[in-house]
Amino acid sequence: MMVGGKMKRVFVIVVLAVALLLAGCQQPEKKVQEVQLTILTGGAAGTYYPIGGAMAEVINKYAKGVKATAVTSGASVTNARKIGNKEAELALLQNDIAYYAYNGIEMFKDKPVKNMMGIATLYPEVIQIVTLKESGIKTIYDLKGKKVAVGAPGSGTAVDALQILNAAGIDETNTKIEYRDFKEVADGLKDRTIDAGFIVAGIPTAAVSDVAAVRDVMIVEVPDEIYKKLTEKYKFYTQYTIPAGTYKGLDKDVKTVAVLAMLVTRDDIPEDVIYEVTKAIFEHRDELVAAHKRAQDITLETALEGMPIPLHPGAEKYYKEKGLL
């Protein structure tokens, strides 16, 4: 009996020892830390906000270990500065503003944004020089000597407008230049207090449609020679044709130029995070299109067109996988 009892105790001790050994060998379960991203967009009434919101949704659904929140903001210039100050991880803005910010020129000459990196260019922000048919303005050169609104002070629209006007030999010495936002441009045309105004946005733009509802409007062509002059100095411009019928009374196609909306990030965001973000956006593009028709122009084939700043390594990895680089 004694021997049997000892054997039993030994057996129990061995079983306990094995159990403890196995427990010690098990690796503690790692808790995956989700990365939280903020996407800066624009005003709630604009295009950036719904596009950014749709991007946040696809990132949350399909990007492993990443959660995103889209927030309203002051759009391009504000977004670039907030990226520079590390107030957000992702932002929508125009590619010309990204170029100015990264290179420390125009409105960023006092504080460059060197930590900004590109993820993708998205869709055209069309430069529309709007006038009334009754104005007698037929070409861009006819703007000389007229009263022309070029966008809000310090805005990307104003910078674009002055570059285009200068390429046509027009400046404040020979033309009355006024600084007005989109609504003020629309009101000025309706009230006939300006002769023409610049609006930079996806088309159709509500401000232009608003004018076309009460006045016969015309979009002034930006001819090939002006486009050529622009791109000799600024690589972010592309050519664009506004189709006939885009606005009431617009009875023929109009050639103009455009900048591009783009998605940017910071250089300290990990490669794997931006890879997942890029992959989610392009592999679930249909969900972006369902949220806003402007997303129809977001394609993998055009994601690197007009890219004005260095590409983030995470985005670069995805594009290499897809054979774009």
Protein backbone atom coordinates (compact mmCIF):
# COMPACT_ATOMS: atom_id res chain seq x y z
CA MET A 1 0.00 0.00 0.00
CA MET A 2 2.84 2.32 0.90
CA VAL A 3 4.58 1.73 -2.39
CA GLY A 4 1.36 2.30 -4.30
CA GLY A 5 0.73 5.57 -2.44
CA LYS A 6 4.20 6.82 -3.25
CA MET A 7 3.72 5.94 -6.89
CA LYS A 8 0.45 7.85 -6.95
CA ARG A 9 2.04 10.93 -5.42
CA VAL A 10 4.93 10.78 -7.89
CA PHE A 11 2.48 10.48 -10.78
CA VAL A 12 0.53 13.55 -9.60
CA ILE A 13 3.75 15.54 -9.20
CA VAL A 14 4.91 14.57 -12.70
CA VAL A 15 1.55 15.56 -14.20
CA LEU A 16 1.66 18.92 -12.44
CA ALA A 17 5.24 19.51 -13.55
CA VAL A 18 4.39 18.75 -17.18
CA ALA A 19 1.35 21.06 -17.01
CA LEU A 20 3.46 23.88 -15.60
CA LEU A 21 6.12 23.28 -18.24
CA LEU A 22 3.58 23.41 -21.04
CA ALA A 23 2.04 26.57 -19.61
CA GLY A 24 5.47 28.17 -19.47
CA CYS A 25 6.15 27.27 -23.10
CA GLN A 26 2.96 28.96 -24.34
CA GLN A 27 3.56 32.42 -25.74
CA PRO A 28 1.33 35.11 -24.25
CA GLU A 29 -1.28 36.20 -26.75
CA LYS A 30 -0.20 39.44 -28.38
CA LYS A 31 -2.74 42.20 -28.40
CA VAL A 32 -2.75 43.93 -31.77
CA GLN A 33 -2.49 47.69 -31.36
CA GLU A 34 -4.76 49.51 -33.79
CA VAL A 35 -3.29 52.54 -35.52
CA GLN A 36 -5.64 55.51 -35.41
CA LEU A 37 -5.55 57.92 -38.36
CA THR A 38 -7.24 61.28 -38.83
CA ILE A 39 -8.07 62.33 -42.42
CA LEU A 40 -8.32 66.09 -42.95
CA THR A 41 -10.88 66.93 -45.64
CA GLY A 42 -12.63 70.26 -46.33
CA GLY A 43 -15.91 72.00 -45.58
CA ALA A 44 -19.01 69.84 -45.15
CA ALA A 45 -20.52 71.30 -48.36
CA GLY A 46 -17.50 70.51 -50.55
CA THR A 47 -16.18 67.42 -52.30
CA TYR A 48 -13.28 66.58 -49.98
CA TYR A 49 -15.55 65.78 -47.04
CA PRO A 50 -17.68 63.00 -48.64
CA ILE A 51 -14.64 61.56 -50.44
CA GLY A 52 -12.61 61.58 -47.21
CA GLY A 53 -15.51 60.03 -45.31
CA ALA A 54 -15.76 57.21 -47.85
CA MET A 55 -12.01 56.66 -47.62
CA ALA A 56 -12.28 56.37 -43.83
CA GLU A 57 -15.01 53.75 -44.24
CA VAL A 58 -13.03 51.54 -46.64
CA ILE A 59 -9.90 51.87 -44.47
CA ASN A 60 -11.89 50.80 -41.40
CA LYS A 61 -13.38 47.84 -43.25
CA TYR A 62 -10.37 46.56 -45.18
CA ALA A 63 -7.04 47.95 -43.85
CA LYS A 64 -5.59 45.54 -41.28
CA GLY A 65 -4.92 47.13 -37.91
CA VAL A 66 -5.90 50.62 -39.06
CA LYS A 67 -8.83 52.82 -38.06
CA ALA A 68 -9.51 56.19 -39.70
CA THR A 69 -11.74 59.17 -38.96
CA ALA A 70 -12.52 61.91 -41.50
CA VAL A 71 -12.91 65.43 -40.12
CA THR A 72 -13.88 68.76 -41.65
CA SER A 73 -11.16 71.36 -42.11
CA GLY A 74 -10.17 74.51 -43.98
CA ALA A 75 -9.07 72.44 -47.03
CA SER A 76 -5.76 72.56 -48.92
CA VAL A 77 -3.58 75.25 -47.31
CA THR A 78 -4.83 74.52 -43.78
CA ASN A 79 -4.41 70.78 -44.31
CA ALA A 80 -0.82 71.14 -45.48
CA ARG A 81 0.06 73.21 -42.42
CA LYS A 82 -1.60 70.71 -40.09
CA ILE A 83 0.36 67.85 -41.63
CA GLY A 84 3.51 69.92 -41.05
CA ASN A 85 2.52 70.42 -37.40
CA LYS A 86 1.70 66.69 -36.98
CA GLU A 87 -1.93 67.47 -36.16
CA ALA A 88 -3.17 64.70 -38.50
CA GLU A 89 -1.86 61.65 -40.32
CA LEU A 90 -3.65 61.96 -43.69
CA ALA A 91 -5.03 64.90 -45.66
CA LEU A 92 -6.75 65.77 -48.91
CA LEU A 93 -5.40 68.79 -50.76
CA GLN A 94 -4.53 70.10 -54.21
CA ASN A 95 -1.28 68.93 -55.78
CA ASP A 96 -0.17 72.50 -56.45
CA ILE A 97 -0.54 73.33 -52.74
CA ALA A 98 1.45 70.19 -51.89
CA TYR A 99 4.18 71.39 -54.26
CA TYR A 100 4.28 74.87 -52.71
CA ALA A 101 4.29 73.45 -49.18
CA TYR A 102 7.04 70.90 -49.73
CA ASN A 103 9.26 73.39 -51.59
CA GLY A 104 8.59 76.29 -49.23
CA ILE A 105 7.29 78.74 -51.83
CA GLU A 106 4.23 81.00 -52.25
CA MET A 107 2.17 80.91 -49.00
CA PHE A 108 4.67 78.48 -47.42
CA LYS A 109 7.84 80.50 -47.96
CA ASP A 110 8.17 81.15 -44.22
CA LYS A 111 7.55 77.54 -43.18
CA PRO A 112 8.05 74.63 -45.63
CA VAL A 113 6.28 71.32 -44.95
CA LYS A 114 9.14 68.87 -45.49
CA ASN A 115 7.51 65.95 -43.65
CA MET A 116 4.75 65.61 -46.28
CA MET A 117 4.73 62.56 -48.58
CA GLY A 118 2.35 61.56 -51.37
CA ILE A 119 0.00 58.57 -51.43
CA ALA A 120 -1.98 59.20 -54.64
CA THR A 121 -3.35 61.85 -56.95
CA LEU A 122 -7.11 61.47 -57.18
CA TYR A 123 -9.22 63.60 -59.54
CA PRO A 124 -9.06 66.91 -61.42
CA GLU A 125 -9.75 70.23 -59.69
CA VAL A 126 -10.72 72.14 -62.81
CA ILE A 127 -9.70 75.77 -63.32
CA GLN A 128 -12.80 77.53 -64.61
CA ILE A 129 -12.58 81.11 -65.83
CA VAL A 130 -16.23 82.10 -65.72
CA THR A 131 -17.70 85.10 -67.50
CA LEU A 132 -21.05 86.17 -68.95
CA LYS A 133 -21.75 85.76 -72.67
CA GLU A 134 -22.74 89.42 -72.78
CA SER A 135 -19.25 90.51 -71.59
CA GLY A 136 -17.66 90.23 -75.02
CA ILE A 137 -14.78 88.20 -73.54
CA LYS A 138 -13.89 85.49 -76.07
CA THR A 139 -10.32 84.47 -75.15
CA ILE A 140 -8.07 84.64 -72.10
CA TYR A 141 -6.27 87.62 -73.67
CA ASP A 142 -9.55 89.58 -73.58
CA LEU A 143 -9.33 89.63 -69.77
CA LYS A 144 -6.70 92.38 -70.00
CA GLY A 145 -8.13 95.64 -68.71
CA LYS A 146 -11.20 93.96 -67.20
CA LYS A 147 -12.25 93.44 -63.57
CA VAL A 148 -11.20 89.86 -62.74
CA ALA A 149 -11.72 88.00 -59.44
CA VAL A 150 -8.95 85.51 -58.70
CA GLY A 151 -9.98 83.69 -55.52
CA ALA A 152 -9.80 84.40 -51.81
CA PRO A 153 -6.63 86.10 -50.50
CA GLY A 154 -3.88 83.53 -49.80
CA SER A 155 -5.83 80.73 -51.46
CA GLY A 156 -4.53 78.17 -53.94
CA THR A 157 -7.11 79.43 -56.43
CA ALA A 158 -5.61 82.93 -56.29
CA VAL A 159 -2.08 81.61 -56.88
CA ASP A 160 -3.24 79.45 -59.82
CA ALA A 161 -5.20 82.35 -61.33
CA LEU A 162 -2.26 84.76 -61.18
CA GLN A 163 0.08 82.18 -62.74
CA ILE A 164 -2.36 81.66 -65.63
CA LEU A 165 -2.99 85.37 -66.12
CA ASN A 166 0.75 86.13 -66.04
CA ALA A 167 1.33 83.50 -68.74
CA ALA A 168 -1.09 85.53 -70.88
CA GLY A 169 0.67 88.83 -70.09
CA ILE A 170 -1.97 89.97 -67.63
CA ASP A 171 -1.22 91.32 -64.14
CA GLU A 172 -2.24 94.04 -61.70
CA THR A 173 -0.53 96.72 -63.81
CA ASN A 174 -2.93 96.29 -66.72
CA THR A 175 -6.01 94.67 -65.17
CA LYS A 176 -8.13 95.23 -62.05
CA ILE A 177 -7.50 92.13 -59.92
CA GLU A 178 -9.90 91.43 -57.06
CA TYR A 179 -9.67 88.74 -54.38
CA ARG A 180 -13.00 86.98 -53.88
CA ASP A 181 -14.05 83.50 -52.74
CA PHE A 182 -16.29 81.26 -54.89
CA LYS A 183 -19.56 82.64 -53.53
CA GLU A 184 -18.37 86.22 -54.00
CA VAL A 185 -17.33 85.38 -57.57
CA ALA A 186 -20.80 83.98 -58.26
CA ASP A 187 -22.50 87.00 -56.69
CA GLY A 188 -20.23 89.39 -58.63
CA LEU A 189 -21.11 87.78 -61.94
CA LYS A 190 -24.83 87.77 -61.16
CA ASP A 191 -24.68 91.42 -60.10
CA ARG A 192 -22.34 92.32 -63.00
CA THR A 193 -19.81 93.88 -60.58
CA ILE A 194 -16.97 91.79 -62.07
CA ASP A 195 -16.26 90.76 -65.66
CA ALA A 196 -14.84 87.32 -64.94
CA GLY A 197 -13.82 85.12 -62.03
CA PHE A 198 -11.69 82.07 -61.35
CA ILE A 199 -13.18 79.00 -59.65
CA VAL A 200 -11.08 75.87 -59.03
CA ALA A 201 -13.14 72.80 -58.16
CA GLY A 202 -14.52 69.52 -59.42
CA ILE A 203 -17.18 69.95 -62.08
CA PRO A 204 -20.02 70.73 -62.14
CA THR A 205 -19.39 73.33 -59.45
CA ALA A 206 -22.39 74.62 -57.52
CA ALA A 207 -21.18 78.23 -57.64
CA VAL A 208 -21.04 78.17 -61.46
CA SER A 209 -24.40 76.39 -61.77
CA ASP A 210 -25.84 79.08 -59.50
CA VAL A 211 -24.76 81.81 -61.94
CA ALA A 212 -25.89 79.81 -64.99
CA ALA A 213 -29.39 79.57 -63.51
CA VAL A 214 -29.89 83.36 -63.86
CA ARG A 215 -27.30 84.53 -66.42
CA ASP A 216 -25.93 83.19 -69.72
CA VAL A 217 -22.42 82.05 -68.75
CA MET A 218 -19.34 81.21 -70.74
CA ILE A 219 -16.14 79.41 -69.68
CA VAL A 220 -13.03 81.06 -71.16
CA GLU A 221 -10.62 78.69 -72.90
CA VAL A 222 -7.02 78.24 -71.67
CA PRO A 223 -5.27 77.58 -75.02
CA ASP A 224 -2.41 75.19 -75.69
CA GLU A 225 0.26 77.89 -75.73
CA ILE A 226 -0.68 79.03 -72.21
CA TYR A 227 -0.68 75.42 -70.98
CA LYS A 228 2.78 74.94 -72.46
CA LYS A 229 4.10 78.08 -70.74
CA LEU A 230 2.64 76.95 -67.43
CA THR A 231 4.10 73.45 -67.53
CA GLU A 232 7.57 74.74 -68.40
CA LYS A 233 7.61 76.17 -64.87
CA TYR A 234 4.94 74.25 -62.93
CA LYS A 235 4.74 70.48 -63.38
CA PHE A 236 1.47 70.01 -61.48
CA TYR A 237 -0.86 71.37 -64.21
CA THR A 238 -2.70 69.03 -66.56
CA GLN A 239 -4.97 69.79 -69.52
CA TYR A 240 -8.68 69.23 -69.14
CA THR A 241 -11.76 69.61 -71.33
CA ILE A 242 -15.02 70.76 -69.77
CA PRO A 243 -17.75 68.94 -71.73
CA ALA A 244 -20.58 70.80 -73.41
CA GLY A 245 -23.69 70.68 -71.27
CA THR A 246 -21.80 70.74 -67.96
CA TYR A 247 -23.62 74.01 -67.27
CA LYS A 248 -26.84 75.45 -68.63
CA GLY A 249 -26.02 77.28 -71.86
CA LEU A 250 -22.54 75.76 -72.27
CA ASP A 251 -23.04 74.51 -75.82
CA LYS A 252 -19.50 73.43 -76.72
CA ASP A 253 -16.50 71.74 -75.10
CA VAL A 254 -14.01 74.14 -73.50
CA LYS A 255 -10.30 73.39 -73.13
CA THR A 256 -8.76 74.48 -69.84
CA VAL A 257 -6.21 73.31 -67.28
CA ALA A 258 -6.57 71.57 -63.95
CA VAL A 259 -4.68 70.77 -60.81
CA LEU A 260 -5.34 67.50 -59.01
CA ALA A 261 -6.82 66.60 -55.67
CA MET A 262 -4.46 64.25 -53.85
CA LEU A 263 -4.02 62.27 -50.64
CA VAL A 264 -0.94 62.95 -48.54
CA THR A 265 0.56 61.64 -45.32
CA ARG A 266 3.56 62.23 -43.06
CA ASP A 267 7.00 60.69 -43.41
CA ASP A 268 6.85 59.21 -39.89
CA ILE A 269 3.77 57.05 -40.54
CA PRO A 270 4.91 53.38 -40.82
CA GLU A 271 5.27 51.78 -44.25
CA ASP A 272 2.88 48.92 -43.48
CA VAL A 273 0.14 51.34 -42.40
CA ILE A 274 0.25 53.39 -45.61
CA TYR A 275 0.49 50.20 -47.68
CA GLU A 276 -2.78 49.00 -46.10
CA VAL A 277 -4.41 52.42 -46.65
CA THR A 278 -3.38 52.56 -50.32
CA LYS A 279 -4.49 48.99 -50.95
CA ALA A 280 -7.89 49.52 -49.28
CA ILE A 281 -8.61 52.66 -51.32
CA PHE A 282 -7.77 51.23 -54.73
CA GLU A 283 -9.12 47.71 -54.23
CA HIS A 284 -12.46 49.03 -52.98
CA ARG A 285 -12.76 52.06 -55.24
CA ASP A 286 -16.36 51.08 -56.06
CA GLU A 287 -17.36 52.03 -52.53
CA LEU A 288 -15.83 55.49 -53.00
CA VAL A 289 -17.76 55.94 -56.26
CA ALA A 290 -20.99 54.93 -54.49
CA ALA A 291 -20.36 57.73 -51.97
CA HIS A 292 -19.58 60.48 -54.51
CA LYS A 293 -19.48 60.48 -58.33
CA ARG A 294 -16.26 62.53 -58.32
CA ALA A 295 -14.52 59.31 -57.20
CA GLN A 296 -15.07 57.91 -60.71
CA ASP A 297 -11.85 59.72 -61.64
CA ILE A 298 -9.86 57.96 -58.88
CA THR A 299 -8.04 55.18 -60.72
CA LEU A 300 -4.91 53.13 -60.16
CA GLU A 301 -3.72 54.00 -63.68
CA THR A 302 -3.69 57.76 -62.90
CA ALA A 303 -2.60 57.57 -59.24
CA LEU A 304 0.89 58.88 -59.98
CA GLU A 305 0.04 61.53 -62.57
CA GLY A 306 1.01 65.00 -61.41
CA MET A 307 2.60 63.66 -58.20
CA PRO A 308 4.51 66.76 -57.03
CA ILE A 309 6.24 65.45 -53.87
CA PRO A 310 8.13 62.29 -52.83
CA LEU A 311 6.03 59.14 -52.61
CA HIS A 312 5.58 57.42 -49.23
CA PRO A 313 7.35 54.00 -49.13
CA GLY A 314 4.07 52.26 -48.21
CA ALA A 315 2.31 53.59 -51.30
CA GLU A 316 5.40 52.86 -53.39
CA LYS A 317 5.35 49.21 -52.25
CA TYR A 318 1.72 48.83 -53.37
CA TYR A 319 2.32 50.46 -56.76
CA LYS A 320 5.34 48.21 -57.36
CA GLU A 321 3.18 45.17 -56.66
CA LYS A 322 0.74 46.45 -59.27
CA GLY A 323 3.48 47.05 -61.84
CA LEU A 324 3.17 50.85 -61.88
CA LEU A 325 6.75 51.44 -60.73
